[in-house]
C-alpha atoms as a PDB file:
ATOM      1  CA  MET A   1      -5.299  -5.271   8.460  1.00  0.00           C
ATOM      2  CA  ALA A   2      -4.939  -3.536  12.427  1.00  0.00           C
ATOM      3  CA  LYS A   3      -7.520  -5.610  14.563  1.00  0.00           C
ATOM      4  CA  TYR A   4      -8.892  -2.214  16.676  1.00  0.00           C
ATOM      5  CA  ALA A   5      -8.863   1.821  15.552  1.00  0.00           C
ATOM      6  CA  THR A   6      -9.782   3.837  17.557  1.00  0.00           C
ATOM      7  CA  ALA A   7     -12.585   6.996  17.074  1.00  0.00           C
ATOM      8  CA  GLY A   8     -13.423  10.660  18.846  1.00  0.00           C
ATOM      9  CA  PHE A   9      -9.475  11.278  18.941  1.00  0.00           C
ATOM     10  CA  SER A  10      -7.954  12.993  16.144  1.00  0.00           C
ATOM     11  CA  PHE A  11      -4.177  12.023  15.361  1.00  0.00           C
ATOM     12  CA  GLY A  12      -3.857  13.715  11.946  1.00  0.00           C
ATOM     13  CA  THR A  13      -4.395  12.500   8.709  1.00  0.00           C
ATOM     14  CA  THR A  14      -1.670  11.508   5.874  1.00  0.00           C
ATOM     15  CA  GLY A  15      -3.951  10.327   3.213  1.00  0.00           C
ATOM     16  CA  LEU A  16      -1.606  10.642   0.307  1.00  0.00           C
ATOM     17  CA  VAL A  17       1.895  12.535  -0.057  1.00  0.00           C
ATOM     18  CA  TRP A  18       3.340  12.822  -3.231  1.00  0.00           C
ATOM     19  CA  VAL A  19       7.265  13.423  -2.982  1.00  0.00           C
ATOM     20  CA  ILE A  20       9.200  14.280  -6.508  1.00  0.00           C
ATOM     21  CA  SER A  21      13.405  15.364  -6.558  1.00  0.00           C
ATOM     22  CA  ASN A  22      13.799  18.932  -6.964  1.00  0.00           C
ATOM     23  CA  ARG A  23      16.068  17.599  -9.427  1.00  0.00           C
ATOM     24  CA  ALA A  24      13.372  15.571 -11.267  1.00  0.00           C
ATOM     25  CA  TRP A  25      10.796  18.555 -10.519  1.00  0.00           C
ATOM     26  CA  GLY A  26      13.277  20.791 -12.171  1.00  0.00           C
ATOM     27  CA  GLN A  27      13.489  18.434 -14.969  1.00  0.00           C
ATOM     28  CA  LEU A  28      10.063  18.746 -15.730  1.00  0.00           C
ATOM     29  CA  PRO A  29       8.321  21.520 -18.179  1.00  0.00           C
ATOM     30  CA  ALA A  30       6.685  24.850 -16.619  1.00  0.00           C
ATOM     31  CA  PRO A  31       3.896  24.497 -17.290  1.00  0.00           C
ATOM     32  CA  VAL A  32       3.415  20.547 -15.746  1.00  0.00           C
ATOM     33  CA  GLN A  33       5.640  22.343 -12.635  1.00  0.00           C
ATOM     34  CA  ASP A  34       2.099  24.690 -13.010  1.00  0.00           C
ATOM     35  CA  ALA A  35      -0.309  22.434 -12.674  1.00  0.00           C
ATOM     36  CA  LEU A  36       1.320  20.187 -10.942  1.00  0.00           C
ATOM     37  CA  THR A  37       1.657  23.145  -8.256  1.00  0.00           C
ATOM     38  CA  LYS A  38      -2.346  24.270  -8.776  1.00  0.00           C
ATOM     39  CA  ALA A  39      -3.273  20.689  -8.587  1.00  0.00           C
ATOM     40  CA  GLY A  40      -1.766  20.054  -5.445  1.00  0.00           C
ATOM     41  CA  PRO A  41      -4.661  22.075  -3.218  1.00  0.00           C
ATOM     42  CA  VAL A  42      -7.388  20.402  -4.359  1.00  0.00           C
ATOM     43  CA  ALA A  43      -6.814  17.632  -4.321  1.00  0.00           C
ATOM     44  CA  GLU A  44      -5.782  18.287  -0.815  1.00  0.00           C
ATOM     45  CA  GLN A  45      -9.512  19.498  -0.794  1.00  0.00           C
ATOM     46  CA  ASN A  46     -11.024  17.226  -2.058  1.00  0.00           C
ATOM     47  CA  PHE A  47      -9.396  14.486  -0.364  1.00  0.00           C
ATOM     48  CA  CYS A  48     -10.529  16.866   3.433  1.00  0.00           C
ATOM     49  CA  THR A  49     -14.341  16.488   2.473  1.00  0.00           C
ATOM     50  CA  TYR A  50     -13.781  13.198   1.148  1.00  0.00           C
ATOM     51  CA  ALA A  51     -12.914  12.067   4.828  1.00  0.00           C
ATOM     52  CA  ASP A  52     -14.985  14.326   6.551  1.00  0.00           C
ATOM     53  CA  SER A  53     -18.070  13.038   4.375  1.00  0.00           C
ATOM     54  CA  ASN A  54     -17.039   9.798   4.166  1.00  0.00           C
ATOM     55  CA  GLU A  55     -15.857   8.951   8.058  1.00  0.00           C
ATOM     56  CA  ASP A  56     -19.004   7.149   8.944  1.00  0.00           C
ATOM     57  CA  ALA A  57     -19.590   4.607   6.424  1.00  0.00           C
ATOM     58  CA  GLU A  58     -15.752   3.937   5.884  1.00  0.00           C
ATOM     59  CA  ARG A  59     -15.487   3.032   9.964  1.00  0.00           C
ATOM     60  CA  GLY A  60     -18.908   0.746   8.824  1.00  0.00           C
ATOM     61  CA  VAL A  61     -17.056  -0.748   6.080  1.00  0.00           C
ATOM     62  CA  LEU A  62     -14.077  -1.273   8.651  1.00  0.00           C
ATOM     63  CA  GLU A  63     -16.087  -3.307  11.130  1.00  0.00           C
ATOM     64  CA  LYS A  64     -17.889  -5.298   8.807  1.00  0.00           C
ATOM     65  CA  GLY A  65     -14.238  -6.427   7.699  1.00  0.00           C
ATOM     66  CA  GLY A  66     -13.963  -7.727  11.571  1.00  0.00           C
ATOM     67  CA  MET A  67     -12.197  -4.559  12.009  1.00  0.00           C
ATOM     68  CA  THR A  68     -13.972  -3.089  16.171  1.00  0.00           C
ATOM     69  CA  VAL A  69     -13.394   0.575  16.903  1.00  0.00           C
ATOM     70  CA  ILE A  70     -13.761   2.001  20.234  1.00  0.00           C
ATOM     71  CA  ASP A  71     -14.933   5.072  21.181  1.00  0.00           C
ATOM     72  CA  LEU A  72     -13.023   6.997  23.627  1.00  0.00           C
ATOM     73  CA  ALA A  73     -15.368   8.410  26.363  1.00  0.00           C
ATOM     74  CA  PRO A  74     -14.405  12.446  27.098  1.00  0.00           C
ATOM     75  CA  ALA A  75     -12.269  11.857  30.034  1.00  0.00           C
ATOM     76  CA  GLU A  76      -9.929   9.503  27.780  1.00  0.00           C
ATOM     77  CA  ARG A  77     -10.023  11.681  25.202  1.00  0.00           C
ATOM     78  CA  SER A  78      -8.874  14.680  27.386  1.00  0.00           C
ATOM     79  CA  ALA A  79      -6.373  12.068  29.107  1.00  0.00           C
ATOM     80  CA  LEU A  80      -4.776  11.611  25.492  1.00  0.00           C
ATOM     81  CA  GLN A  81      -4.440  15.112  24.767  1.00  0.00           C
ATOM     82  CA  GLN A  82      -2.862  15.908  27.581  1.00  0.00           C
ATOM     83  CA  LYS A  83      -0.334  13.393  26.579  1.00  0.00           C
ATOM     84  CA  LEU A  84       0.291  13.466  22.714  1.00  0.00           C
ATOM     85  CA  ALA A  85       0.223  18.015  23.873  1.00  0.00           C
ATOM     86  CA  PRO A  86       4.346  17.952  24.450  1.00  0.00           C
ATOM     87  CA  VAL A  87       5.018  15.610  20.934  1.00  0.00           C
ATOM     88  CA  ALA A  88       2.493  18.767  18.892  1.00  0.00           C
ATOM     89  CA  ASP A  89       4.961  21.127  20.978  1.00  0.00           C
ATOM     90  CA  GLU A  90       8.093  20.500  20.261  1.00  0.00           C
ATOM     91  CA  TRP A  91       7.256  19.542  15.875  1.00  0.00           C
ATOM     92  CA  ALA A  92       5.680  22.764  16.195  1.00  0.00           C
ATOM     93  CA  THR A  93       8.965  24.434  18.183  1.00  0.00           C
ATOM     94  CA  ASP A  94      11.176  22.563  15.959  1.00  0.00           C
ATOM     95  CA  LEU A  95       9.413  23.452  12.774  1.00  0.00           C
ATOM     96  CA  ASP A  96       9.188  27.417  14.312  1.00  0.00           C
ATOM     97  CA  ARG A  97      13.644  27.654  14.458  1.00  0.00           C
ATOM     98  CA  ARG A  98      13.760  25.894  10.927  1.00  0.00           C
ATOM     99  CA  GLY A  99      11.435  29.640   9.894  1.00  0.00           C
ATOM    100  CA  LYS A 100       7.993  27.689   9.563  1.00  0.00           C
ATOM    101  CA  PRO A 101       5.489  29.579  11.718  1.00  0.00           C
ATOM    102  CA  ALA A 102       5.455  26.048  12.894  1.00  0.00           C
ATOM    103  CA  THR A 103       3.568  26.983  16.574  1.00  0.00           C
ATOM    104  CA  PRO A 104       0.424  29.627  15.329  1.00  0.00           C
ATOM    105  CA  VAL A 105      -0.482  26.637  13.094  1.00  0.00           C
ATOM    106  CA  LEU A 106      -0.204  24.330  16.054  1.00  0.00           C
ATOM    107  CA  HIS A 107      -2.896  26.967  18.001  1.00  0.00           C
ATOM    108  CA  GLN A 108      -5.436  27.280  14.554  1.00  0.00           C
ATOM    109  CA  LEU A 109      -5.803  23.721  14.232  1.00  0.00           C
ATOM    110  CA  ARG A 110      -6.121  22.529  18.345  1.00  0.00           C
ATOM    111  CA  ASP A 111      -9.137  25.901  18.181  1.00  0.00           C
ATOM    112  CA  ILE A 112     -10.390  24.363  15.212  1.00  0.00           C
ATOM    113  CA  ILE A 113     -10.785  20.878  16.440  1.00  0.00           C
ATOM    114  CA  ALA A 114     -11.934  22.300  20.026  1.00  0.00           C
ATOM    115  CA  GLY A 115     -14.677  23.999  18.113  1.00  0.00           C
ATOM    116  CA  ASP A 116     -15.620  20.808  16.350  1.00  0.00           C
ATOM    117  CA  LYS A 117     -16.275  18.921  19.883  1.00  0.00           C
ATOM    118  CA  GLU A 118     -19.181  21.310  20.666  1.00  0.00           C
ATOM    119  CA  LYS A 119     -20.952  21.525  17.771  1.00  0.00           C
END
């Protein structure tokens, strides 16, 4: 188990990834494909709601288990954001080149995060 965690900065979250090959997907009956396609966004929203609602409680569980959670000061968060911004920009540019509109999505994410900081 990790001994340290950082709070106060969004590194993004991967809660669960489910993968299936095109071949296996194609072998599923259409109603199963439809059910899985509809369930994905619902599961995603449920996870996000859970994560948002339970962040403090989960932090407490981690701390009780011996983890040290480090709260970043505003200046530290700003410095970290500046260091990591080029990584996100490169990710978005790469997806843009592949026909995925990642740059506008990245801008929306940054606006949302900035709005959360103002609360």
